């Protein structure tokens, strides 16, 4: 873990300058033809993919390789945990990292499935000095499963994170640098790859096919469960409709629909498991109207969850620019 230390880096971040793009008018292109795309998450759903509807470009990586997700905008400060790994986090009453040596008595929290910034497990950390313990999830060996950390610095250019393995007494400091053309930055408590990947620039993706944790509040007690579905770029807006025929949907017919940027608005419910057939079945009558980061409208519906070999984990959808 000592290889993660980046001395003086946070100070350098504070001296960097940033630039912002000016808003420009959007000229909508003419409607396009119907297109199809299959996303190869795999039968174990181990891959996540960013999808850009305009170019049909995709970028994939393992879904489990990150632990913390940071807002990347200059004024951003929210931090999320990886629900796909069944991660949990707990605030402690400790006054130092060295004082934390076990997980006894901790109260674990999870993020909201919507990724609502007001409903994160870590909470409003800039207003206090809490020390946290992260449970990375049951797939990790005990020796690398639990970490303690404190978020100790924030600027328009990055975050400063102080951390140690649960049993360690010597903390290290890590800088998570913001990139203003991204929505999120990712960090892993992993010596070999503390920054496991960079997501595409904000304007270069619309949908993220991934595993994430949903909390079924209709169960008592509420049931956290890892599902496979779609999260949207927070700069994208989506309307959901099941009344119109997909082929008849036009730019004019979607203008009265209600759009939201809730990240799990598409979610996982476009499919369900048919126990009699022992297979997943998609709901092709659900239409998703997507307004992308450039103001272009798309209609989309799912048509399959299996590939030509009958393997699950290959969601296929039809989509068309309006």
Protein backbone atom coordinates (compact mmCIF):
# COMPACT_ATOMS: atom_id res chain seq x y z
CA UNK A 1 0.00 0.00 0.00
CA UNK A 2 2.93 2.40 0.52
CA UNK A 3 3.27 2.67 -3.25
CA UNK A 4 0.05 4.72 -3.26
CA UNK A 5 1.64 7.68 -1.43
CA UNK A 6 1.81 10.80 -3.57
CA UNK A 7 3.71 13.38 -1.45
CA UNK A 8 3.14 17.01 -2.27
CA UNK A 9 0.72 16.08 -5.09
CA UNK A 10 -2.31 17.63 -3.48
CA UNK A 11 -0.52 20.92 -3.10
CA UNK A 12 0.36 20.86 -6.77
CA UNK A 13 -3.28 20.25 -7.63
CA UNK A 14 -4.29 23.41 -5.83
CA UNK A 15 -2.00 25.46 -8.08
CA UNK A 16 -3.43 24.18 -11.34
CA UNK A 17 -5.96 26.17 -13.30
CA UNK A 18 -9.06 24.94 -15.12
CA UNK A 19 -11.13 26.11 -18.04
CA UNK A 20 -14.80 25.89 -18.91
CA UNK A 21 -16.59 25.59 -22.22
CA UNK A 22 -19.09 28.21 -23.22
CA UNK A 23 -22.65 27.09 -23.91
CA UNK A 24 -23.39 26.92 -27.64
CA UNK A 25 -26.73 26.52 -29.43
CA UNK A 26 -27.66 22.95 -30.32
CA UNK A 27 -28.66 22.24 -33.91
CA UNK A 28 -30.64 19.01 -33.95
CA UNK A 29 -29.69 16.58 -36.73
CA UNK A 30 -32.38 14.90 -38.84
CA UNK A 31 -33.99 11.66 -37.57
CA UNK A 32 -31.99 8.49 -38.12
CA UNK A 33 -32.75 4.91 -38.99
CA UNK A 34 -33.46 2.12 -36.52
CA UNK A 35 -30.31 0.63 -35.02
CA UNK A 36 -29.54 -2.38 -32.81
CA UNK A 37 -26.82 -2.88 -30.22
CA UNK A 38 -25.87 -5.82 -28.01
CA UNK A 39 -23.85 -5.24 -24.83
CA UNK A 40 -21.60 -8.21 -23.83
CA UNK A 41 -21.71 -8.03 -20.03
CA UNK A 42 -21.32 -11.83 -19.88
CA UNK A 43 -23.23 -14.61 -18.12
CA UNK A 44 -21.77 -13.58 -14.74
CA UNK A 45 -22.40 -9.86 -15.44
CA UNK A 46 -18.75 -9.19 -14.62
CA UNK A 47 -18.32 -6.44 -17.24
CA UNK A 48 -19.75 -2.94 -17.32
CA UNK A 49 -20.06 -0.89 -20.50
CA UNK A 50 -20.42 2.79 -21.26
CA UNK A 51 -22.55 3.32 -24.38
CA UNK A 52 -22.74 6.39 -26.62
CA UNK A 53 -25.95 6.27 -28.67
CA UNK A 54 -24.77 8.80 -31.25
CA UNK A 55 -21.65 6.86 -32.27
CA UNK A 56 -22.55 3.35 -31.01
CA UNK A 57 -19.16 3.40 -29.25
CA UNK A 58 -18.75 1.27 -26.12
CA UNK A 59 -16.10 1.13 -23.42
CA UNK A 60 -15.98 -1.87 -21.11
CA UNK A 61 -14.12 -2.89 -17.96
CA UNK A 62 -14.66 -5.18 -14.95
CA UNK A 63 -17.46 -3.89 -12.74
CA UNK A 64 -15.74 -4.85 -9.48
CA UNK A 65 -12.43 -3.00 -9.81
CA UNK A 66 -13.34 0.21 -7.96
CA UNK A 67 -14.23 0.99 -4.35
CA UNK A 68 -14.92 4.73 -4.19
CA UNK A 69 -16.43 7.03 -6.81
CA UNK A 70 -15.82 10.80 -6.63
CA UNK A 71 -17.64 13.68 -8.31
CA UNK A 72 -15.25 15.13 -10.86
CA UNK A 73 -16.70 18.63 -11.38
CA UNK A 74 -14.83 21.58 -9.82
CA UNK A 75 -17.59 22.16 -7.25
CA UNK A 76 -18.25 18.44 -6.70
CA UNK A 77 -17.66 16.75 -3.34
CA UNK A 78 -19.95 13.72 -3.15
CA UNK A 79 -18.47 10.22 -2.81
CA UNK A 80 -20.14 6.86 -3.49
CA UNK A 81 -19.24 3.22 -2.77
CA UNK A 82 -19.40 0.21 -5.11
CA UNK A 83 -22.76 -1.45 -4.51
CA UNK A 84 -21.95 -4.11 -7.12
CA UNK A 85 -19.36 -5.47 -4.67
CA UNK A 86 -21.90 -5.25 -1.82
CA UNK A 87 -19.66 -2.62 -0.25
CA UNK A 88 -20.72 -0.89 2.97
CA UNK A 89 -19.32 2.03 4.93
CA UNK A 90 -19.55 3.08 8.57
CA UNK A 91 -18.82 6.31 10.39
CA UNK A 92 -16.79 5.86 13.56
CA UNK A 93 -16.38 7.88 16.74
CA UNK A 94 -12.60 7.47 16.59
CA UNK A 95 -10.32 10.50 16.73
CA UNK A 96 -7.54 8.91 14.66
CA UNK A 97 -7.06 6.14 12.13
CA UNK A 98 -4.70 4.33 14.49
CA UNK A 99 -7.51 4.00 17.04
CA UNK A 100 -9.59 1.89 14.64
CA UNK A 101 -8.56 -1.77 14.78
CA UNK A 102 -11.78 -3.78 14.28
CA UNK A 103 -15.39 -3.50 13.10
CA UNK A 104 -17.12 -4.15 16.42
CA UNK A 105 -20.19 -2.00 16.98
CA UNK A 106 -20.11 -0.30 13.60
CA UNK A 107 -23.37 0.70 11.92
CA UNK A 108 -23.12 0.02 8.21
CA UNK A 109 -24.69 2.24 5.55
CA UNK A 110 -25.28 1.98 1.80
CA UNK A 111 -25.92 4.49 -0.98
CA UNK A 112 -29.39 4.96 -2.43
CA UNK A 113 -29.89 3.04 -5.72
CA UNK A 114 -30.77 6.34 -7.44
CA UNK A 115 -27.29 7.76 -6.75
CA UNK A 116 -29.07 10.79 -5.27
CA UNK A 117 -26.24 13.01 -3.95
CA UNK A 118 -28.32 13.68 -0.85
CA UNK A 119 -28.53 9.96 -0.04
CA UNK A 120 -24.94 8.75 0.03
CA UNK A 121 -23.66 6.46 2.76
CA UNK A 122 -20.62 8.66 3.39
CA UNK A 123 -22.77 11.75 3.65
CA UNK A 124 -21.76 15.41 3.93
CA UNK A 125 -18.15 14.74 4.85
CA UNK A 126 -16.82 18.30 4.23
CA UNK A 127 -18.80 19.49 7.26
CA UNK A 128 -17.16 17.11 9.73
CA UNK A 129 -13.99 15.14 10.40
CA UNK A 130 -15.31 11.60 10.69
CA UNK A 131 -13.13 8.55 10.24
CA UNK A 132 -14.76 5.78 8.20
CA UNK A 133 -14.39 2.05 7.77
CA UNK A 134 -15.11 0.56 4.35
CA UNK A 135 -16.18 -3.05 3.90
CA UNK A 136 -15.18 -3.65 0.28
CA UNK A 137 -17.47 -6.68 0.06
CA UNK A 138 -17.57 -10.43 0.75
CA UNK A 139 -15.62 -11.35 -2.39
CA UNK A 140 -12.41 -9.92 -0.88
CA UNK A 141 -10.19 -11.87 1.49
CA UNK A 142 -10.29 -10.59 5.07
CA UNK A 143 -6.75 -9.21 4.82
CA UNK A 144 -7.79 -6.76 2.07
CA UNK A 145 -11.52 -6.47 2.75
CA UNK A 146 -11.61 -3.73 5.42
CA UNK A 147 -9.98 -0.30 5.17
CA UNK A 148 -10.19 2.79 7.33
CA UNK A 149 -10.00 6.26 5.81
CA UNK A 150 -10.66 9.94 6.22
CA UNK A 151 -11.40 12.51 3.53
CA UNK A 152 -9.07 15.32 4.57
CA UNK A 153 -8.92 17.75 1.66
CA UNK A 154 -11.07 19.17 -1.13
CA UNK A 155 -10.49 21.71 -3.88
CA UNK A 156 -11.67 22.43 -7.40
CA UNK A 157 -8.84 20.18 -8.57
CA UNK A 158 -9.11 17.11 -6.35
CA UNK A 159 -9.56 15.25 -3.10
CA UNK A 160 -7.08 14.24 -0.43
CA UNK A 161 -7.65 10.83 1.10
CA UNK A 162 -5.86 9.42 4.16
CA UNK A 163 -6.15 5.65 4.51
CA UNK A 164 -4.80 2.44 6.00
CA UNK A 165 -5.71 -1.22 6.13
CA UNK A 166 -7.82 -1.98 9.19
CA UNK A 167 -4.96 -3.48 11.23
CA UNK A 168 -2.30 -0.97 10.10
CA UNK A 169 -1.25 2.00 12.22
CA UNK A 170 0.73 3.99 9.65
CA UNK A 171 -1.60 5.92 7.28
CA UNK A 172 -0.78 7.09 3.78
CA UNK A 173 -2.09 10.05 1.77
CA UNK A 174 -3.52 9.75 -1.73
CA UNK A 175 -4.67 12.44 -4.14
CA UNK A 176 -7.72 11.81 -6.33
CA UNK A 177 -7.44 14.37 -9.12
CA UNK A 178 -10.58 15.74 -10.75
CA UNK A 179 -10.94 15.84 -14.53
CA UNK A 180 -13.54 18.47 -15.38
CA UNK A 181 -14.60 16.78 -18.62
CA UNK A 182 -15.66 13.65 -16.65
CA UNK A 183 -18.59 13.05 -14.33
CA UNK A 184 -16.79 10.73 -11.90
CA UNK A 185 -13.32 9.60 -10.86
CA UNK A 186 -12.72 6.09 -9.46
CA UNK A 187 -10.40 4.80 -6.76
CA UNK A 188 -9.56 1.30 -5.48
CA UNK A 189 -7.87 0.25 -2.24
CA UNK A 190 -5.48 -1.72 -4.38
CA UNK A 191 -1.71 -1.30 -4.51
CA UNK A 192 -1.37 -2.37 -8.14
CA UNK A 193 -4.21 -0.23 -9.54
CA UNK A 194 -5.45 2.49 -7.18
CA UNK A 195 -6.99 4.29 -10.16
CA UNK A 196 -8.44 1.34 -12.09
CA UNK A 197 -9.94 3.21 -15.05
CA UNK A 198 -11.23 6.52 -16.36
CA UNK A 199 -14.75 6.73 -17.66
CA UNK A 200 -15.29 8.43 -21.05
CA UNK A 201 -15.68 12.22 -21.21
CA UNK A 202 -19.16 13.37 -20.22
CA UNK A 203 -20.28 14.10 -23.80
CA UNK A 204 -19.10 10.69 -25.01
CA UNK A 205 -21.52 8.40 -23.17
CA UNK A 206 -25.21 8.15 -22.37
CA UNK A 207 -25.82 4.78 -20.69
CA UNK A 208 -23.87 2.57 -18.31
CA UNK A 209 -24.73 -1.13 -18.39
CA UNK A 210 -23.58 -2.48 -15.03
CA UNK A 211 -24.32 -4.29 -11.79
CA UNK A 212 -25.49 -2.10 -8.94
CA UNK A 213 -27.27 -2.50 -5.64
CA UNK A 214 -31.01 -2.00 -5.45
CA UNK A 215 -32.82 -1.84 -2.12
CA UNK A 216 -36.26 -3.47 -2.13
CA UNK A 217 -38.12 -1.29 0.35
CA UNK A 218 -41.30 -3.38 0.04
CA UNK A 219 -39.54 -6.11 2.02
CA UNK A 220 -39.30 -6.05 5.82
CA UNK A 221 -36.62 -5.37 6.64
CA UNK A 222 -35.61 -3.63 3.37
CA UNK A 223 -33.63 -6.04 1.20
CA UNK A 224 -30.40 -4.92 -0.50
CA UNK A 225 -29.83 -6.94 -3.67
CA UNK A 226 -27.35 -6.65 -6.54
CA UNK A 227 -29.14 -6.30 -9.88
CA UNK A 228 -28.03 -5.96 -13.49
CA UNK A 229 -29.36 -2.94 -15.30
CA UNK A 230 -28.68 0.50 -16.72
CA UNK A 231 -27.59 3.74 -15.07
CA UNK A 232 -27.65 6.98 -17.03
CA UNK A 233 -25.12 9.76 -17.41
CA UNK A 234 -26.29 12.39 -14.86
CA UNK A 235 -26.29 14.97 -17.67
CA UNK A 236 -28.80 12.83 -19.61
CA UNK A 237 -32.58 12.89 -19.03
CA UNK A 238 -35.00 10.00 -19.63
CA UNK A 239 -38.77 9.63 -19.90
CA UNK A 240 -40.46 6.23 -19.54
CA UNK A 241 -43.60 5.32 -21.48
CA UNK A 242 -45.60 2.12 -21.99
CA UNK A 243 -48.64 3.55 -23.80
CA UNK A 244 -47.27 4.45 -27.22
CA UNK A 245 -46.34 2.09 -30.02
CA UNK A 246 -42.56 2.25 -30.42
CA UNK A 247 -42.70 2.73 -34.18
CA UNK A 248 -45.11 5.66 -33.89
CA UNK A 249 -43.02 7.67 -31.41
CA UNK A 250 -41.76 10.93 -32.93
CA UNK A 251 -39.98 14.04 -31.72
CA UNK A 252 -43.34 15.81 -31.43
CA UNK A 253 -45.01 13.06 -29.38
CA UNK A 254 -42.34 13.03 -26.65
CA UNK A 255 -42.33 16.74 -25.86
CA UNK A 256 -45.11 16.40 -23.28
CA UNK A 257 -43.46 13.53 -21.41
CA UNK A 258 -41.87 13.99 -17.99
CA UNK A 259 -38.09 13.59 -18.01
CA UNK A 260 -35.80 12.82 -15.08
CA UNK A 261 -32.05 12.53 -14.56
CA UNK A 262 -32.36 10.00 -11.75
CA UNK A 263 -29.52 7.63 -12.52
CA UNK A 264 -31.54 4.41 -12.18
CA UNK A 265 -34.58 5.62 -14.13
CA UNK A 266 -33.98 2.84 -16.70
CA UNK A 267 -32.74 0.46 -14.05
CA UNK A 268 -33.31 -3.28 -14.25
CA UNK A 269 -37.12 -3.71 -14.60
CA UNK A 270 -37.06 -3.85 -18.41
CA UNK A 271 -36.63 -7.58 -17.83
CA UNK A 272 -37.96 -10.12 -15.35
CA UNK A 273 -37.27 -13.72 -14.47
CA UNK A 274 -39.90 -16.20 -15.65
CA UNK A 275 -39.69 -19.11 -13.20
CA UNK A 276 -41.81 -21.39 -15.37
CA UNK A 277 -39.52 -20.86 -18.35
CA UNK A 278 -36.38 -20.64 -16.17
CA UNK A 279 -35.27 -17.64 -18.21
CA UNK A 280 -35.20 -13.86 -18.27
CA UNK A 281 -37.85 -12.17 -20.39
CA UNK A 282 -37.65 -8.56 -21.56
CA UNK A 283 -40.56 -6.13 -21.59
CA UNK A 284 -40.40 -4.69 -25.14
CA UNK A 285 -43.49 -2.54 -24.57
CA UNK A 286 -41.55 -0.19 -22.26
CA UNK A 287 -40.24 2.76 -24.25
CA UNK A 288 -37.35 4.89 -22.99
CA UNK A 289 -37.02 8.37 -24.46
CA UNK A 290 -33.49 9.66 -23.93
CA UNK A 291 -32.35 13.27 -24.22
CA UNK A 292 -28.57 13.10 -24.48
CA UNK A 293 -25.91 15.62 -23.44
CA UNK A 294 -26.18 17.37 -26.82
CA UNK A 295 -29.97 17.75 -26.60
CA UNK A 296 -30.64 14.99 -29.15
CA UNK A 297 -33.65 12.74 -28.50
CA UNK A 298 -33.62 8.97 -28.90
CA UNK A 299 -36.23 6.27 -28.43
CA UNK A 300 -35.08 2.91 -27.12
CA UNK A 301 -36.57 -0.43 -26.16
CA UNK A 302 -35.02 -3.73 -25.10
CA UNK A 303 -35.60 -6.79 -27.26
CA UNK A 304 -33.45 -9.55 -25.72
CA UNK A 305 -31.18 -10.52 -22.83
CA UNK A 306 -29.49 -13.51 -24.50
CA UNK A 307 -26.94 -13.90 -27.27
CA UNK A 308 -27.21 -16.25 -30.25
CA UNK A 309 -25.73 -19.08 -28.14
CA UNK A 310 -28.45 -18.74 -25.52
CA UNK A 311 -26.16 -17.16 -22.90
CA UNK A 312 -27.68 -14.58 -20.57
CA UNK A 313 -26.00 -11.26 -19.87
CA UNK A 314 -26.11 -9.89 -23.42
CA UNK A 315 -28.80 -7.17 -23.34
CA UNK A 316 -29.87 -6.16 -26.84
CA UNK A 317 -31.86 -3.03 -27.61
CA UNK A 318 -33.32 -1.20 -30.58
CA UNK A 319 -32.95 2.56 -30.73
CA UNK A 320 -33.54 5.44 -33.10
CA UNK A 321 -32.77 9.12 -33.19
CA UNK A 322 -35.89 11.27 -33.24
